[in-house]
Amino acid sequence: MESGPVIFAGVVFALFGGGLLVWTAARVRHRLPVAHGVSPVASAGIATVAALISLALGAWCFTSL
């Protein structure tokens, strides 16, 4: 019963991280800005790091069951 919230959090982190990573890759591939008013390299880097952290948190949630 206690694993329900952990599974939910893991799914949310994994979906967000995966979606952000795919979206960032699509924007960079089409040479579109990831964030307006910010350096393209910096915004793509920060978005990629945030996506990887989110995926890592999702993996950690699933391994802590």
PDB file of N, CA and C in Angstrom:
ATOM      1  N   MET A   1       0.816  -1.192   0.000  1.00  0.00           N
ATOM      2  CA  MET A   1       0.000   0.000   0.000  1.00  0.00           C
ATOM      3  C   MET A   1       0.862   1.260   0.000  1.00  0.00           C
ATOM      4  N   GLU A   2       2.024   1.204   0.646  1.00  0.00           N
ATOM      5  CA  GLU A   2       2.891   2.373   0.703  1.00  0.00           C
ATOM      6  C   GLU A   2       3.621   2.603  -0.604  1.00  0.00           C
ATOM      7  N   SER A   3       3.639   1.634  -1.507  1.00  0.00           N
ATOM      8  CA  SER A   3       4.373   1.796  -2.748  1.00  0.00           C
ATOM      9  C   SER A   3       3.583   2.566  -3.799  1.00  0.00           C
ATOM     10  N   GLY A   4       2.307   2.799  -3.582  1.00  0.00           N
ATOM     11  CA  GLY A   4       1.483   3.528  -4.547  1.00  0.00           C
ATOM     12  C   GLY A   4       1.997   4.925  -4.838  1.00  0.00           C
ATOM     13  N   PRO A   5       2.236   5.756  -3.824  1.00  0.00           N
ATOM     14  CA  PRO A   5       2.756   7.094  -4.087  1.00  0.00           C
ATOM     15  C   PRO A   5       4.148   7.101  -4.722  1.00  0.00           C
ATOM     16  N   VAL A   6       4.962   6.116  -4.386  1.00  0.00           N
ATOM     17  CA  VAL A   6       6.305   6.038  -4.963  1.00  0.00           C
ATOM     18  C   VAL A   6       6.212   5.707  -6.447  1.00  0.00           C
ATOM     19  N   ILE A   7       5.329   4.802  -6.810  1.00  0.00           N
ATOM     20  CA  ILE A   7       5.138   4.456  -8.216  1.00  0.00           C
ATOM     21  C   ILE A   7       4.605   5.659  -8.980  1.00  0.00           C
ATOM     22  N   PHE A   8       3.634   6.361  -8.403  1.00  0.00           N
ATOM     23  CA  PHE A   8       3.079   7.546  -9.051  1.00  0.00           C
ATOM     24  C   PHE A   8       4.155   8.604  -9.265  1.00  0.00           C
ATOM     25  N   ALA A   9       4.949   8.867  -8.249  1.00  0.00           N
ATOM     26  CA  ALA A   9       6.013   9.869  -8.371  1.00  0.00           C
ATOM     27  C   ALA A   9       7.040   9.438  -9.419  1.00  0.00           C
ATOM     28  N   GLY A  10       7.393   8.168  -9.452  1.00  0.00           N
ATOM     29  CA  GLY A  10       8.338   7.676 -10.442  1.00  0.00           C
ATOM     30  C   GLY A  10       7.820   7.837 -11.858  1.00  0.00           C
ATOM     31  N   VAL A  11       6.536   7.553 -12.059  1.00  0.00           N
ATOM     32  CA  VAL A  11       5.940   7.710 -13.386  1.00  0.00           C
ATOM     33  C   VAL A  11       5.907   9.181 -13.786  1.00  0.00           C
ATOM     34  N   VAL A  12       5.557  10.053 -12.868  1.00  0.00           N
ATOM     35  CA  VAL A  12       5.504  11.491 -13.174  1.00  0.00           C
ATOM     36  C   VAL A  12       6.890  12.017 -13.529  1.00  0.00           C
ATOM     37  N   PHE A  13       7.886  11.673 -12.727  1.00  0.00           N
ATOM     38  CA  PHE A  13       9.254  12.115 -13.027  1.00  0.00           C
ATOM     39  C   PHE A  13       9.737  11.565 -14.367  1.00  0.00           C
ATOM     40  N   ALA A  14       9.466  10.290 -14.632  1.00  0.00           N
ATOM     41  CA  ALA A  14       9.929   9.673 -15.881  1.00  0.00           C
ATOM     42  C   ALA A  14       9.236  10.288 -17.094  1.00  0.00           C
ATOM     43  N   LEU A  15       7.937  10.514 -17.014  1.00  0.00           N
ATOM     44  CA  LEU A  15       7.222  11.113 -18.137  1.00  0.00           C
ATOM     45  C   LEU A  15       7.659  12.549 -18.382  1.00  0.00           C
ATOM     46  N   PHE A  16       7.831  13.310 -17.313  1.00  0.00           N
ATOM     47  CA  PHE A  16       8.273  14.690 -17.474  1.00  0.00           C
ATOM     48  C   PHE A  16       9.680  14.751 -18.051  1.00  0.00           C
ATOM     49  N   GLY A  17      10.585  13.965 -17.510  1.00  0.00           N
ATOM     50  CA  GLY A  17      11.962  13.963 -17.994  1.00  0.00           C
ATOM     51  C   GLY A  17      12.068  13.505 -19.437  1.00  0.00           C
ATOM     52  N   GLY A  18      11.356  12.452 -19.778  1.00  0.00           N
ATOM     53  CA  GLY A  18      11.372  11.971 -21.157  1.00  0.00           C
ATOM     54  C   GLY A  18      10.769  12.970 -22.120  1.00  0.00           C
ATOM     55  N   GLY A  19       9.640  13.562 -21.730  1.00  0.00           N
ATOM     56  CA  GLY A  19       9.002  14.564 -22.584  1.00  0.00           C
ATOM     57  C   GLY A  19       9.866  15.793 -22.779  1.00  0.00           C
ATOM     58  N   LEU A  20      10.482  16.246 -21.710  1.00  0.00           N
ATOM     59  CA  LEU A  20      11.354  17.422 -21.805  1.00  0.00           C
ATOM     60  C   LEU A  20      12.575  17.130 -22.668  1.00  0.00           C
ATOM     61  N   LEU A  21      13.123  15.939 -22.550  1.00  0.00           N
ATOM     62  CA  LEU A  21      14.288  15.568 -23.353  1.00  0.00           C
ATOM     63  C   LEU A  21      13.930  15.491 -24.838  1.00  0.00           C
ATOM     64  N   VAL A  22      12.789  14.900 -25.167  1.00  0.00           N
ATOM     65  CA  VAL A  22      12.353  14.802 -26.564  1.00  0.00           C
ATOM     66  C   VAL A  22      12.044  16.182 -27.120  1.00  0.00           C
ATOM     67  N   TRP A  23      11.353  17.007 -26.334  1.00  0.00           N
ATOM     68  CA  TRP A  23      11.003  18.353 -26.787  1.00  0.00           C
ATOM     69  C   TRP A  23      12.256  19.201 -27.021  1.00  0.00           C
ATOM     70  N   THR A  24      13.202  19.117 -26.107  1.00  0.00           N
ATOM     71  CA  THR A  24      14.447  19.878 -26.258  1.00  0.00           C
ATOM     72  C   THR A  24      15.214  19.410 -27.493  1.00  0.00           C
ATOM     73  N   ALA A  25      15.287  18.111 -27.707  1.00  0.00           N
ATOM     74  CA  ALA A  25      15.997  17.590 -28.883  1.00  0.00           C
ATOM     75  C   ALA A  25      15.317  18.034 -30.175  1.00  0.00           C
ATOM     76  N   ALA A  26      13.994  18.044 -30.190  1.00  0.00           N
ATOM     77  CA  ALA A  26      13.272  18.486 -31.393  1.00  0.00           C
ATOM     78  C   ALA A  26      13.509  19.969 -31.662  1.00  0.00           C
ATOM     79  N   ARG A  27      13.506  20.787 -30.618  1.00  0.00           N
ATOM     80  CA  ARG A  27      13.747  22.223 -30.804  1.00  0.00           C
ATOM     81  C   ARG A  27      15.167  22.481 -31.295  1.00  0.00           C
ATOM     82  N   VAL A  28      16.140  21.781 -30.730  1.00  0.00           N
ATOM     83  CA  VAL A  28      17.532  21.972 -31.139  1.00  0.00           C
ATOM     84  C   VAL A  28      17.738  21.471 -32.568  1.00  0.00           C
ATOM     85  N   ARG A  29      17.126  20.358 -32.904  1.00  0.00           N
ATOM     86  CA  ARG A  29      17.292  19.786 -34.245  1.00  0.00           C
ATOM     87  C   ARG A  29      16.740  20.715 -35.326  1.00  0.00           C
ATOM     88  N   HIS A  30      15.647  21.418 -35.021  1.00  0.00           N
ATOM     89  CA  HIS A  30      15.045  22.345 -35.981  1.00  0.00           C
ATOM     90  C   HIS A  30      15.615  23.756 -35.861  1.00  0.00           C
ATOM     91  N   ARG A  31      16.630  23.901 -35.038  1.00  0.00           N
ATOM     92  CA  ARG A  31      17.297  25.181 -34.797  1.00  0.00           C
ATOM     93  C   ARG A  31      16.325  26.261 -34.323  1.00  0.00           C
ATOM     94  N   LEU A  32      15.412  25.864 -33.444  1.00  0.00           N
ATOM     95  CA  LEU A  32      14.468  26.785 -32.821  1.00  0.00           C
ATOM     96  C   LEU A  32      14.906  27.034 -31.383  1.00  0.00           C
ATOM     97  N   PRO A  33      14.556  28.185 -30.819  1.00  0.00           N
ATOM     98  CA  PRO A  33      14.980  28.459 -29.440  1.00  0.00           C
ATOM     99  C   PRO A  33      14.266  27.550 -28.437  1.00  0.00           C
ATOM    100  N   VAL A  34      14.993  27.136 -27.439  1.00  0.00           N
ATOM    101  CA  VAL A  34      14.410  26.333 -26.368  1.00  0.00           C
ATOM    102  C   VAL A  34      13.721  27.254 -25.367  1.00  0.00           C
ATOM    103  N   ALA A  35      14.317  28.401 -25.097  1.00  0.00           N
ATOM    104  CA  ALA A  35      13.730  29.429 -24.234  1.00  0.00           C
ATOM    105  C   ALA A  35      14.009  30.785 -24.865  1.00  0.00           C
ATOM    106  N   HIS A  36      13.025  31.646 -24.861  1.00  0.00           N
ATOM    107  CA  HIS A  36      13.177  32.964 -25.470  1.00  0.00           C
ATOM    108  C   HIS A  36      13.962  33.895 -24.548  1.00  0.00           C
ATOM    109  N   GLY A  37      14.869  34.657 -25.139  1.00  0.00           N
ATOM    110  CA  GLY A  37      15.634  35.630 -24.384  1.00  0.00           C
ATOM    111  C   GLY A  37      16.862  35.066 -23.686  1.00  0.00           C
ATOM    112  N   VAL A  38      17.192  33.806 -23.968  1.00  0.00           N
ATOM    113  CA  VAL A  38      18.339  33.161 -23.330  1.00  0.00           C
ATOM    114  C   VAL A  38      19.222  32.606 -24.447  1.00  0.00           C
ATOM    115  N   SER A  39      20.492  32.482 -24.168  1.00  0.00           N
ATOM    116  CA  SER A  39      21.412  31.889 -25.133  1.00  0.00           C
ATOM    117  C   SER A  39      20.919  30.495 -25.542  1.00  0.00           C
ATOM    118  N   PRO A  40      20.929  30.189 -26.833  1.00  0.00           N
ATOM    119  CA  PRO A  40      20.448  28.867 -27.271  1.00  0.00           C
ATOM    120  C   PRO A  40      21.224  27.705 -26.657  1.00  0.00           C
ATOM    121  N   VAL A  41      22.519  27.872 -26.521  1.00  0.00           N
ATOM    122  CA  VAL A  41      23.336  26.796 -25.944  1.00  0.00           C
ATOM    123  C   VAL A  41      23.021  26.629 -24.460  1.00  0.00           C
ATOM    124  N   ALA A  42      22.908  27.738 -23.751  1.00  0.00           N
ATOM    125  CA  ALA A  42      22.623  27.669 -22.309  1.00  0.00           C
ATOM    126  C   ALA A  42      21.239  27.088 -22.044  1.00  0.00           C
ATOM    127  N   SER A  43      20.234  27.522 -22.809  1.00  0.00           N
ATOM    128  CA  SER A  43      18.877  27.031 -22.567  1.00  0.00           C
ATOM    129  C   SER A  43      18.757  25.550 -22.905  1.00  0.00           C
ATOM    130  N   ALA A  44      19.413  25.116 -23.978  1.00  0.00           N
ATOM    131  CA  ALA A  44      19.384  23.688 -24.316  1.00  0.00           C
ATOM    132  C   ALA A  44      20.125  22.871 -23.264  1.00  0.00           C
ATOM    133  N   GLY A  45      21.230  23.395 -22.774  1.00  0.00           N
ATOM    134  CA  GLY A  45      21.982  22.686 -21.746  1.00  0.00           C
ATOM    135  C   GLY A  45      21.228  22.565 -20.435  1.00  0.00           C
ATOM    136  N   ILE A  46      20.621  23.654 -20.016  1.00  0.00           N
ATOM    137  CA  ILE A  46      19.867  23.636 -18.754  1.00  0.00           C
ATOM    138  C   ILE A  46      18.648  22.725 -18.864  1.00  0.00           C
ATOM    139  N   ALA A  47      17.951  22.771 -20.006  1.00  0.00           N
ATOM    140  CA  ALA A  47      16.791  21.896 -20.197  1.00  0.00           C
ATOM    141  C   ALA A  47      17.208  20.430 -20.228  1.00  0.00           C
ATOM    142  N   THR A  48      18.339  20.134 -20.840  1.00  0.00           N
ATOM    143  CA  THR A  48      18.823  18.757 -20.884  1.00  0.00           C
ATOM    144  C   THR A  48      19.208  18.261 -19.498  1.00  0.00           C
ATOM    145  N   VAL A  49      19.878  19.105 -18.737  1.00  0.00           N
ATOM    146  CA  VAL A  49      20.255  18.723 -17.364  1.00  0.00           C
ATOM    147  C   VAL A  49      19.010  18.499 -16.507  1.00  0.00           C
ATOM    148  N   ALA A  50      18.016  19.371 -16.646  1.00  0.00           N
ATOM    149  CA  ALA A  50      16.777  19.202 -15.888  1.00  0.00           C
ATOM    150  C   ALA A  50      16.066  17.908 -16.272  1.00  0.00           C
ATOM    151  N   ALA A  51      16.068  17.578 -17.550  1.00  0.00           N
ATOM    152  CA  ALA A  51      15.445  16.333 -18.006  1.00  0.00           C
ATOM    153  C   ALA A  51      16.179  15.116 -17.451  1.00  0.00           C
ATOM    154  N   LEU A  52      17.503  15.150 -17.477  1.00  0.00           N
ATOM    155  CA  LEU A  52      18.277  14.019 -16.966  1.00  0.00           C
ATOM    156  C   LEU A  52      18.108  13.855 -15.456  1.00  0.00           C
ATOM    157  N   ILE A  53      18.030  14.963 -14.735  1.00  0.00           N
ATOM    158  CA  ILE A  53      17.791  14.889 -13.289  1.00  0.00           C
ATOM    159  C   ILE A  53      16.422  14.290 -13.013  1.00  0.00           C
ATOM    160  N   SER A  54      15.433  14.707 -13.780  1.00  0.00           N
ATOM    161  CA  SER A  54      14.093  14.167 -13.599  1.00  0.00           C
ATOM    162  C   SER A  54      14.047  12.675 -13.909  1.00  0.00           C
ATOM    163  N   LEU A  55      14.712  12.252 -14.972  1.00  0.00           N
ATOM    164  CA  LEU A  55      14.773  10.819 -15.282  1.00  0.00           C
ATOM    165  C   LEU A  55      15.496  10.046 -14.185  1.00  0.00           C
ATOM    166  N   ALA A  56      16.550  10.622 -13.641  1.00  0.00           N
ATOM    167  CA  ALA A  56      17.280   9.970 -12.549  1.00  0.00           C
ATOM    168  C   ALA A  56      16.396   9.845 -11.307  1.00  0.00           C
ATOM    169  N   LEU A  57      15.633  10.878 -11.003  1.00  0.00           N
ATOM    170  CA  LEU A  57      14.716  10.800  -9.862  1.00  0.00           C
ATOM    171  C   LEU A  57      13.637   9.739 -10.081  1.00  0.00           C
ATOM    172  N   GLY A  58      13.137   9.639 -11.310  1.00  0.00           N
ATOM    173  CA  GLY A  58      12.175   8.599 -11.614  1.00  0.00           C
ATOM    174  C   GLY A  58      12.767   7.223 -11.431  1.00  0.00           C
ATOM    175  N   ALA A  59      13.996   7.022 -11.909  1.00  0.00           N
ATOM    176  CA  ALA A  59      14.664   5.731 -11.743  1.00  0.00           C
ATOM    177  C   ALA A  59      14.906   5.437 -10.260  1.00  0.00           C
ATOM    178  N   TRP A  60      15.275   6.461  -9.511  1.00  0.00           N
ATOM    179  CA  TRP A  60      15.495   6.263  -8.076  1.00  0.00           C
ATOM    180  C   TRP A  60      14.204   5.856  -7.375  1.00  0.00           C
ATOM    181  N   CYS A  61      13.088   6.471  -7.778  1.00  0.00           N
ATOM    182  CA  CYS A  61      11.796   6.093  -7.179  1.00  0.00           C
ATOM    183  C   CYS A  61      11.475   4.627  -7.454  1.00  0.00           C
ATOM    184  N   PHE A  62      11.745   4.185  -8.686  1.00  0.00           N
ATOM    185  CA  PHE A  62      11.429   2.795  -9.023  1.00  0.00           C
ATOM    186  C   PHE A  62      12.361   1.810  -8.329  1.00  0.00           C
ATOM    187  N   THR A  63      13.599   2.207  -8.081  1.00  0.00           N
ATOM    188  CA  THR A  63      14.513   1.287  -7.419  1.00  0.00           C
ATOM    189  C   THR A  63      14.338   1.275  -5.906  1.00  0.00           C
ATOM    190  N   SER A  64      13.627   2.252  -5.369  1.00  0.00           N
ATOM    191  CA  SER A  64      13.455   2.305  -3.915  1.00  0.00           C
ATOM    192  C   SER A  64      12.217   1.525  -3.462  1.00  0.00           C
ATOM    193  N   LEU A  65      11.585   0.810  -4.357  1.00  0.00           N
ATOM    194  CA  LEU A  65      10.392   0.041  -3.971  1.00  0.00           C
ATOM    195  C   LEU A  65      10.801  -1.083  -3.107  1.00  0.00           C
TER     196      LEU A  65
END
